[in-house]
Structure formats: structure tokens, C-alpha cells
PDB file of N, CA and C in Angstrom:
ATOM      1  N   MET A   1     -19.422 -53.981   3.662  1.00  0.00           N
ATOM      2  CA  MET A   1     -19.202 -54.368   4.627  1.00  0.00           C
ATOM      3  C   MET A   1     -19.323 -55.576   4.975  1.00  0.00           C
ATOM      4  N   VAL A   2     -19.236 -57.099   4.641  1.00  0.00           N
ATOM      5  CA  VAL A   2     -20.092 -57.632   5.246  1.00  0.00           C
ATOM      6  C   VAL A   2     -19.545 -58.255   6.226  1.00  0.00           C
ATOM      7  N   ARG A   3     -20.424 -59.014   7.860  1.00  0.00           N
ATOM      8  CA  ARG A   3     -19.823 -59.491   9.175  1.00  0.00           C
ATOM      9  C   ARG A   3     -20.573 -60.542   8.346  1.00  0.00           C
ATOM     10  N   LEU A   4     -19.391 -61.772   9.450  1.00  0.00           N
ATOM     11  CA  LEU A   4     -19.850 -63.025   9.844  1.00  0.00           C
ATOM     12  C   LEU A   4     -19.346 -63.494  10.700  1.00  0.00           C
ATOM     13  N   ALA A   5     -19.703 -64.587  11.342  1.00  0.00           N
ATOM     14  CA  ALA A   5     -19.521 -65.047  12.698  1.00  0.00           C
ATOM     15  C   ALA A   5     -19.475 -67.160  12.429  1.00  0.00           C
ATOM     16  N   VAL A   6     -18.050 -66.939  13.074  1.00  0.00           N
ATOM     17  CA  VAL A   6     -18.020 -68.760  13.071  1.00  0.00           C
ATOM     18  C   VAL A   6     -17.933 -69.427  14.500  1.00  0.00           C
ATOM     19  N   ASP A   7     -18.816 -70.143  14.309  1.00  0.00           N
ATOM     20  CA  ASP A   7     -19.704 -70.786  15.774  1.00  0.00           C
ATOM     21  C   ASP A   7     -18.618 -71.971  15.932  1.00  0.00           C
ATOM     22  N   LEU A   8     -17.812 -71.135  16.823  1.00  0.00           N
ATOM     23  CA  LEU A   8     -16.339 -72.190  17.524  1.00  0.00           C
ATOM     24  C   LEU A   8     -16.911 -73.120  17.793  1.00  0.00           C
ATOM     25  N   ASN A   9     -18.165 -73.913  18.635  1.00  0.00           N
ATOM     26  CA  ASN A   9     -18.361 -74.964  19.110  1.00  0.00           C
ATOM     27  C   ASN A   9     -18.455 -75.898  18.410  1.00  0.00           C
ATOM     28  N   ARG A  10     -19.099 -75.194  16.822  1.00  0.00           N
ATOM     29  CA  ARG A  10     -19.319 -76.351  15.888  1.00  0.00           C
ATOM     30  C   ARG A  10     -17.703 -76.631  14.857  1.00  0.00           C
ATOM     31  N   CYS A  11     -17.146 -75.721  15.323  1.00  0.00           N
ATOM     32  CA  CYS A  11     -16.422 -75.406  14.351  1.00  0.00           C
ATOM     33  C   CYS A  11     -14.958 -76.929  14.885  1.00  0.00           C
ATOM     34  N   GLN A  12     -15.050 -77.359  13.496  1.00  0.00           N
ATOM     35  CA  GLN A  12     -13.615 -78.445  14.199  1.00  0.00           C
ATOM     36  C   GLN A  12     -12.534 -78.637  13.038  1.00  0.00           C
ATOM     37  N   GLY A  13     -12.000 -77.448  12.874  1.00  0.00           N
ATOM     38  CA  GLY A  13     -10.392 -77.382  12.531  1.00  0.00           C
ATOM     39  C   GLY A  13      -9.793 -77.369  11.053  1.00  0.00           C
ATOM     40  N   TYR A  14     -11.346 -77.907  10.174  1.00  0.00           N
ATOM     41  CA  TYR A  14     -10.788 -78.757   9.108  1.00  0.00           C
ATOM     42  C   TYR A  14      -9.885 -77.786   8.015  1.00  0.00           C
ATOM     43  N   ALA A  15      -9.794 -76.139   7.990  1.00  0.00           N
ATOM     44  CA  ALA A  15      -9.305 -75.676   7.572  1.00  0.00           C
ATOM     45  C   ALA A  15      -9.900 -74.749   6.075  1.00  0.00           C
ATOM     46  N   GLN A  16     -10.805 -75.483   5.697  1.00  0.00           N
ATOM     47  CA  GLN A  16     -11.143 -75.088   4.141  1.00  0.00           C
ATOM     48  C   GLN A  16     -11.202 -74.179   4.384  1.00  0.00           C
ATOM     49  N   CYS A  17     -11.326 -72.569   4.856  1.00  0.00           N
ATOM     50  CA  CYS A  17     -11.744 -71.837   5.058  1.00  0.00           C
ATOM     51  C   CYS A  17     -10.687 -70.950   5.197  1.00  0.00           C
ATOM     52  N   ALA A  18      -9.651 -71.271   5.372  1.00  0.00           N
ATOM     53  CA  ALA A  18      -8.679 -70.456   5.606  1.00  0.00           C
ATOM     54  C   ALA A  18      -8.199 -71.114   4.457  1.00  0.00           C
ATOM     55  N   PHE A  19      -8.389 -72.134   3.798  1.00  0.00           N
ATOM     56  CA  PHE A  19      -7.272 -72.162   2.717  1.00  0.00           C
ATOM     57  C   PHE A  19      -7.909 -71.275   0.941  1.00  0.00           C
ATOM     58  N   LEU A  20      -9.881 -71.111   1.367  1.00  0.00           N
ATOM     59  CA  LEU A  20     -10.206 -70.285   0.669  1.00  0.00           C
ATOM     60  C   LEU A  20      -9.954 -68.400   0.433  1.00  0.00           C
ATOM     61  N   ALA A  21      -9.812 -68.701   1.861  1.00  0.00           N
ATOM     62  CA  ALA A  21      -9.857 -66.986   1.690  1.00  0.00           C
ATOM     63  C   ALA A  21      -9.070 -66.777   3.024  1.00  0.00           C
ATOM     64  N   PRO A  22      -7.496 -66.619   2.634  1.00  0.00           N
ATOM     65  CA  PRO A  22      -6.873 -66.378   3.324  1.00  0.00           C
ATOM     66  C   PRO A  22      -6.475 -64.913   4.475  1.00  0.00           C
ATOM     67  N   GLU A  23      -7.465 -64.425   3.901  1.00  0.00           N
ATOM     68  CA  GLU A  23      -7.539 -62.844   3.572  1.00  0.00           C
ATOM     69  C   GLU A  23      -8.982 -63.015   5.183  1.00  0.00           C
ATOM     70  N   ILE A  24      -9.398 -63.413   5.341  1.00  0.00           N
ATOM     71  CA  ILE A  24     -10.713 -63.586   6.358  1.00  0.00           C
ATOM     72  C   ILE A  24     -10.698 -64.459   7.372  1.00  0.00           C
ATOM     73  N   PHE A  25      -9.740 -65.227   7.105  1.00  0.00           N
ATOM     74  CA  PHE A  25      -9.856 -66.513   8.311  1.00  0.00           C
ATOM     75  C   PHE A  25      -7.377 -67.181   8.198  1.00  0.00           C
ATOM     76  N   ALA A  26      -7.813 -67.666   9.425  1.00  0.00           N
ATOM     77  CA  ALA A  26      -6.474 -68.507   9.273  1.00  0.00           C
ATOM     78  C   ALA A  26      -6.496 -69.393  11.082  1.00  0.00           C
ATOM     79  N   MET A  27      -5.309 -70.106  10.969  1.00  0.00           N
ATOM     80  CA  MET A  27      -5.247 -71.878  11.668  1.00  0.00           C
ATOM     81  C   MET A  27      -4.215 -70.963  12.868  1.00  0.00           C
ATOM     82  N   HIS A  28      -4.651 -71.279  13.938  1.00  0.00           N
ATOM     83  CA  HIS A  28      -3.970 -70.411  14.892  1.00  0.00           C
ATOM     84  C   HIS A  28      -2.835 -71.972  15.642  1.00  0.00           C
ATOM     85  N   GLY A  29      -2.445 -72.210  15.086  1.00  0.00           N
ATOM     86  CA  GLY A  29      -2.292 -74.088  15.199  1.00  0.00           C
ATOM     87  C   GLY A  29      -2.985 -74.901  14.810  1.00  0.00           C
ATOM     88  N   GLU A  30      -3.053 -75.825  15.542  1.00  0.00           N
ATOM     89  CA  GLU A  30      -4.014 -76.429  15.003  1.00  0.00           C
ATOM     90  C   GLU A  30      -5.474 -77.299  14.903  1.00  0.00           C
ATOM     91  N   GLU A  31      -5.931 -76.186  15.792  1.00  0.00           N
ATOM     92  CA  GLU A  31      -6.930 -76.110  15.851  1.00  0.00           C
ATOM     93  C   GLU A  31      -8.021 -74.936  16.379  1.00  0.00           C
ATOM     94  N   ALA A  32      -6.910 -73.622  17.133  1.00  0.00           N
ATOM     95  CA  ALA A  32      -7.483 -72.811  17.371  1.00  0.00           C
ATOM     96  C   ALA A  32      -7.802 -71.980  15.590  1.00  0.00           C
ATOM     97  N   LEU A  33      -9.693 -71.175  15.336  1.00  0.00           N
ATOM     98  CA  LEU A  33      -9.686 -70.720  14.154  1.00  0.00           C
ATOM     99  C   LEU A  33      -9.767 -69.054  14.782  1.00  0.00           C
ATOM    100  N   LEU A  34      -8.596 -68.198  13.609  1.00  0.00           N
ATOM    101  CA  LEU A  34      -8.830 -66.691  13.968  1.00  0.00           C
ATOM    102  C   LEU A  34      -9.845 -66.155  12.926  1.00  0.00           C
ATOM    103  N   TYR A  35     -10.428 -65.176  12.683  1.00  0.00           N
ATOM    104  CA  TYR A  35     -11.118 -64.817  11.485  1.00  0.00           C
ATOM    105  C   TYR A  35     -11.112 -62.686  11.584  1.00  0.00           C
ATOM    106  N   ASN A  36     -11.372 -62.584  10.638  1.00  0.00           N
ATOM    107  CA  ASN A  36     -11.709 -61.092   9.937  1.00  0.00           C
ATOM    108  C   ASN A  36     -13.545 -60.990  11.276  1.00  0.00           C
ATOM    109  N   PRO A  37     -13.734 -60.524  12.037  1.00  0.00           N
ATOM    110  CA  PRO A  37     -15.731 -61.045  11.158  1.00  0.00           C
ATOM    111  C   PRO A  37     -16.195 -59.737  11.254  1.00  0.00           C
ATOM    112  N   GLU A  38     -15.794 -59.193   9.886  1.00  0.00           N
ATOM    113  CA  GLU A  38     -15.786 -58.004   9.923  1.00  0.00           C
ATOM    114  C   GLU A  38     -14.959 -58.106   7.751  1.00  0.00           C
ATOM    115  N   ALA A  39     -15.445 -58.272   6.635  1.00  0.00           N
ATOM    116  CA  ALA A  39     -15.301 -58.830   5.695  1.00  0.00           C
ATOM    117  C   ALA A  39     -14.971 -57.599   5.074  1.00  0.00           C
ATOM    118  N   GLU A  40     -14.428 -56.933   4.014  1.00  0.00           N
ATOM    119  CA  GLU A  40     -14.560 -56.069   3.416  1.00  0.00           C
ATOM    120  C   GLU A  40     -15.835 -56.854   1.842  1.00  0.00           C
ATOM    121  N   GLU A  41     -16.114 -56.212   1.404  1.00  0.00           N
ATOM    122  CA  GLU A  41     -17.090 -56.013  -0.404  1.00  0.00           C
ATOM    123  C   GLU A  41     -16.333 -56.906  -0.873  1.00  0.00           C
ATOM    124  N   ALA A  42     -15.034 -56.323  -1.242  1.00  0.00           N
ATOM    125  CA  ALA A  42     -13.604 -56.941  -2.305  1.00  0.00           C
ATOM    126  C   ALA A  42     -14.430 -58.797  -2.144  1.00  0.00           C
ATOM    127  N   GLN A  43     -13.906 -58.949  -0.979  1.00  0.00           N
ATOM    128  CA  GLN A  43     -13.530 -60.485  -0.085  1.00  0.00           C
ATOM    129  C   GLN A  43     -15.359 -61.179  -0.088  1.00  0.00           C
ATOM    130  N   ARG A  44     -16.322 -60.609  -1.031  1.00  0.00           N
ATOM    131  CA  ARG A  44     -17.987 -61.518  -0.840  1.00  0.00           C
ATOM    132  C   ARG A  44     -17.189 -62.527  -0.821  1.00  0.00           C
ATOM    133  N   GLU A  45     -17.050 -63.472  -2.290  1.00  0.00           N
ATOM    134  CA  GLU A  45     -16.324 -63.676  -3.348  1.00  0.00           C
ATOM    135  C   GLU A  45     -15.842 -65.093  -2.980  1.00  0.00           C
ATOM    136  N   LYS A  46     -14.649 -64.803  -2.515  1.00  0.00           N
ATOM    137  CA  LYS A  46     -13.838 -66.186  -1.125  1.00  0.00           C
ATOM    138  C   LYS A  46     -14.626 -66.415   0.100  1.00  0.00           C
ATOM    139  N   LEU A  47     -15.522 -65.199   0.279  1.00  0.00           N
ATOM    140  CA  LEU A  47     -16.282 -65.955   1.689  1.00  0.00           C
ATOM    141  C   LEU A  47     -17.102 -66.805   1.337  1.00  0.00           C
ATOM    142  N   ALA A  48     -17.696 -66.035   0.749  1.00  0.00           N
ATOM    143  CA  ALA A  48     -19.164 -66.957   0.114  1.00  0.00           C
ATOM    144  C   ALA A  48     -18.409 -69.170  -0.226  1.00  0.00           C
ATOM    145  N   GLN A  49     -16.978 -69.077  -0.723  1.00  0.00           N
ATOM    146  CA  GLN A  49     -16.633 -70.092  -1.142  1.00  0.00           C
ATOM    147  C   GLN A  49     -16.441 -70.489   0.031  1.00  0.00           C
ATOM    148  N   ALA A  50     -15.526 -70.088   1.415  1.00  0.00           N
ATOM    149  CA  ALA A  50     -15.034 -70.293   2.328  1.00  0.00           C
ATOM    150  C   ALA A  50     -16.613 -70.916   3.264  1.00  0.00           C
ATOM    151  N   VAL A  51     -17.270 -70.673   2.572  1.00  0.00           N
ATOM    152  CA  VAL A  51     -18.695 -70.650   3.894  1.00  0.00           C
ATOM    153  C   VAL A  51     -19.121 -72.515   3.029  1.00  0.00           C
ATOM    154  N   ALA A  52     -19.058 -72.132   1.543  1.00  0.00           N
ATOM    155  CA  ALA A  52     -19.993 -73.620   1.110  1.00  0.00           C
ATOM    156  C   ALA A  52     -18.974 -75.004   1.309  1.00  0.00           C
ATOM    157  N   ALA A  53     -17.807 -74.216   1.536  1.00  0.00           N
ATOM    158  CA  ALA A  53     -16.567 -75.195   1.951  1.00  0.00           C
ATOM    159  C   ALA A  53     -16.878 -75.378   2.864  1.00  0.00           C
ATOM    160  N   CYS A  54     -17.310 -75.260   4.136  1.00  0.00           N
ATOM    161  CA  CYS A  54     -17.353 -75.817   6.066  1.00  0.00           C
ATOM    162  C   CYS A  54     -18.001 -76.663   5.305  1.00  0.00           C
ATOM    163  N   PRO A  55     -17.828 -77.852   5.892  1.00  0.00           N
ATOM    164  CA  PRO A  55     -17.834 -79.279   5.766  1.00  0.00           C
ATOM    165  C   PRO A  55     -18.640 -78.915   7.532  1.00  0.00           C
ATOM    166  N   VAL A  56     -19.102 -78.183   8.309  1.00  0.00           N
ATOM    167  CA  VAL A  56     -20.069 -78.255   9.200  1.00  0.00           C
ATOM    168  C   VAL A  56     -20.179 -77.348   9.462  1.00  0.00           C
ATOM    169  N   GLN A  57     -20.741 -76.459   8.432  1.00  0.00           N
ATOM    170  CA  GLN A  57     -20.931 -74.939   8.212  1.00  0.00           C
ATOM    171  C   GLN A  57     -20.802 -74.320   9.382  1.00  0.00           C
ATOM    172  N   ALA A  58     -19.920 -73.764   9.360  1.00  0.00           N
ATOM    173  CA  ALA A  58     -19.982 -73.337  10.994  1.00  0.00           C
ATOM    174  C   ALA A  58     -19.663 -71.515  10.770  1.00  0.00           C
ATOM    175  N   ILE A  59     -19.693 -71.709  10.149  1.00  0.00           N
ATOM    176  CA  ILE A  59     -19.904 -70.251   9.444  1.00  0.00           C
ATOM    177  C   ILE A  59     -20.723 -68.755   9.110  1.00  0.00           C
ATOM    178  N   LEU A  60     -21.259 -68.416   9.650  1.00  0.00           N
ATOM    179  CA  LEU A  60     -22.779 -67.991   9.461  1.00  0.00           C
ATOM    180  C   LEU A  60     -21.805 -66.256   8.949  1.00  0.00           C
ATOM    181  N   VAL A  61     -23.236 -65.920   7.296  1.00  0.00           N
ATOM    182  CA  VAL A  61     -22.811 -64.241   7.039  1.00  0.00           C
ATOM    183  C   VAL A  61     -24.032 -63.862   7.528  1.00  0.00           C
ATOM    184  N   ASP A  62     -23.585 -62.329   7.269  1.00  0.00           N
ATOM    185  CA  ASP A  62     -24.494 -61.358   7.544  1.00  0.00           C
ATOM    186  C   ASP A  62     -24.419 -60.530   6.430  1.00  0.00           C
ATOM    187  N   ALA A  63     -25.133 -59.801   5.346  1.00  0.00           N
ATOM    188  CA  ALA A  63     -24.707 -58.381   4.418  1.00  0.00           C
ATOM    189  C   ALA A  63     -25.388 -57.677   5.639  1.00  0.00           C
ATOM    190  N   VAL A  64     -24.325 -57.185   4.976  1.00  0.00           N
ATOM    191  CA  VAL A  64     -25.619 -55.669   6.373  1.00  0.00           C
ATOM    192  C   VAL A  64     -24.561 -54.043   5.332  1.00  0.00           C
ATOM    193  N   ASP A  65     -25.103 -53.648   5.885  1.00  0.00           N
ATOM    194  CA  ASP A  65     -24.558 -52.154   5.152  1.00  0.00           C
ATOM    195  C   ASP A  65     -24.996 -51.661   4.096  1.00  0.00           C
ATOM    196  N   ALA A  66     -26.230 -52.629   4.067  1.00  0.00           N
ATOM    197  CA  ALA A  66     -26.731 -52.215   2.829  1.00  0.00           C
ATOM    198  C   ALA A  66     -26.775 -50.646   3.325  1.00  0.00           C
ATOM    199  N   PRO A  67     -27.028 -49.205   2.038  1.00  0.00           N
ATOM    200  CA  PRO A  67     -28.124 -48.326   2.364  1.00  0.00           C
ATOM    201  C   PRO A  67     -29.313 -47.847   2.541  1.00  0.00           C
ATOM    202  N   ALA A  68     -30.283 -48.000   3.251  1.00  0.00           N
ATOM    203  CA  ALA A  68     -31.964 -48.091   2.993  1.00  0.00           C
ATOM    204  C   ALA A  68     -32.413 -47.565   2.644  1.00  0.00           C
ATOM    205  N   GLU A  69     -32.369 -47.302   1.594  1.00  0.00           N
ATOM    206  CA  GLU A  69     -32.548 -46.945  -0.266  1.00  0.00           C
ATOM    207  C   GLU A  69     -32.735 -48.074  -1.223  1.00  0.00           C
ATOM    208  N   ALA A  70     -30.952 -48.707  -0.777  1.00  0.00           N
ATOM    209  CA  ALA A  70     -31.202 -49.914  -1.553  1.00  0.00           C
ATOM    210  C   ALA A  70     -32.091 -51.098  -0.781  1.00  0.00           C
ATOM    211  N   VAL A  71     -32.810 -51.357   0.242  1.00  0.00           N
ATOM    212  CA  VAL A  71     -33.724 -52.241   1.082  1.00  0.00           C
ATOM    213  C   VAL A  71     -35.211 -52.556   0.352  1.00  0.00           C
ATOM    214  N   PRO A  72     -35.931 -53.117  -0.409  1.00  0.00           N
ATOM    215  CA  PRO A  72     -36.785 -53.382  -0.317  1.00  0.00           C
ATOM    216  C   PRO A  72     -37.953 -52.183   0.727  1.00  0.00           C
ATOM    217  N   GLY A  73     -39.419 -52.018   0.524  1.00  0.00           N
ATOM    218  CA  GLY A  73     -39.633 -51.244   1.472  1.00  0.00           C
ATOM    219  C   GLY A  73     -39.438 -50.673   3.182  1.00  0.00           C
ATOM    220  N   ALA A  74     -37.845 -50.203   3.017  1.00  0.00           N
ATOM    221  CA  ALA A  74     -37.038 -49.879   4.073  1.00  0.00           C
ATOM    222  C   ALA A  74     -37.555 -48.057   4.277  1.00  0.00           C
ATOM    223  N   ARG A  75     -37.632 -47.558   4.684  1.00  0.00           N
ATOM    224  CA  ARG A  75     -37.538 -45.828   4.667  1.00  0.00           C
ATOM    225  C   ARG A  75     -36.260 -45.264   5.855  1.00  0.00           C
TER     226      ARG A  75
END
């Protein structure tokens, strides 16, 4: 699972994310963005494209839920 957050104060409603990753992002009206804060691992590539395409860099992604043994130095 990949957690994400959108800074809705920064988001200007360009909808590039909704175009590139409609399973995660959707526009409600002309300016309101709806999104799933917990994307599936299979959607990681589309999410990365949406993050890169955001002209105001409003999407923040946190790669989470990696098992402790997969993280170097973790116990």
C-alpha cells in the first residue's frame, strides 16, 4: 500500500492527476479534487506519473508498509 496526501491549499484543479490515475483521483465539479489516500501497490506507476505531472507539486507520496526486514537497519 502507498499512502498519499494532496495539499488542497496548493492544488489548483489542473486535473492532470485525475487524467493519469483515475483509479486514485477524481474531480468533483471543476475545482474540487477527491482522492483515495491509500493507493494499491499495483497503482504505483500511475501514481508516480500523476505526481510528476502535477504543475504545482501538490501530491505527497509516502512509500509505506514495507516489512521491517526489507528496510536496511530496521529491527
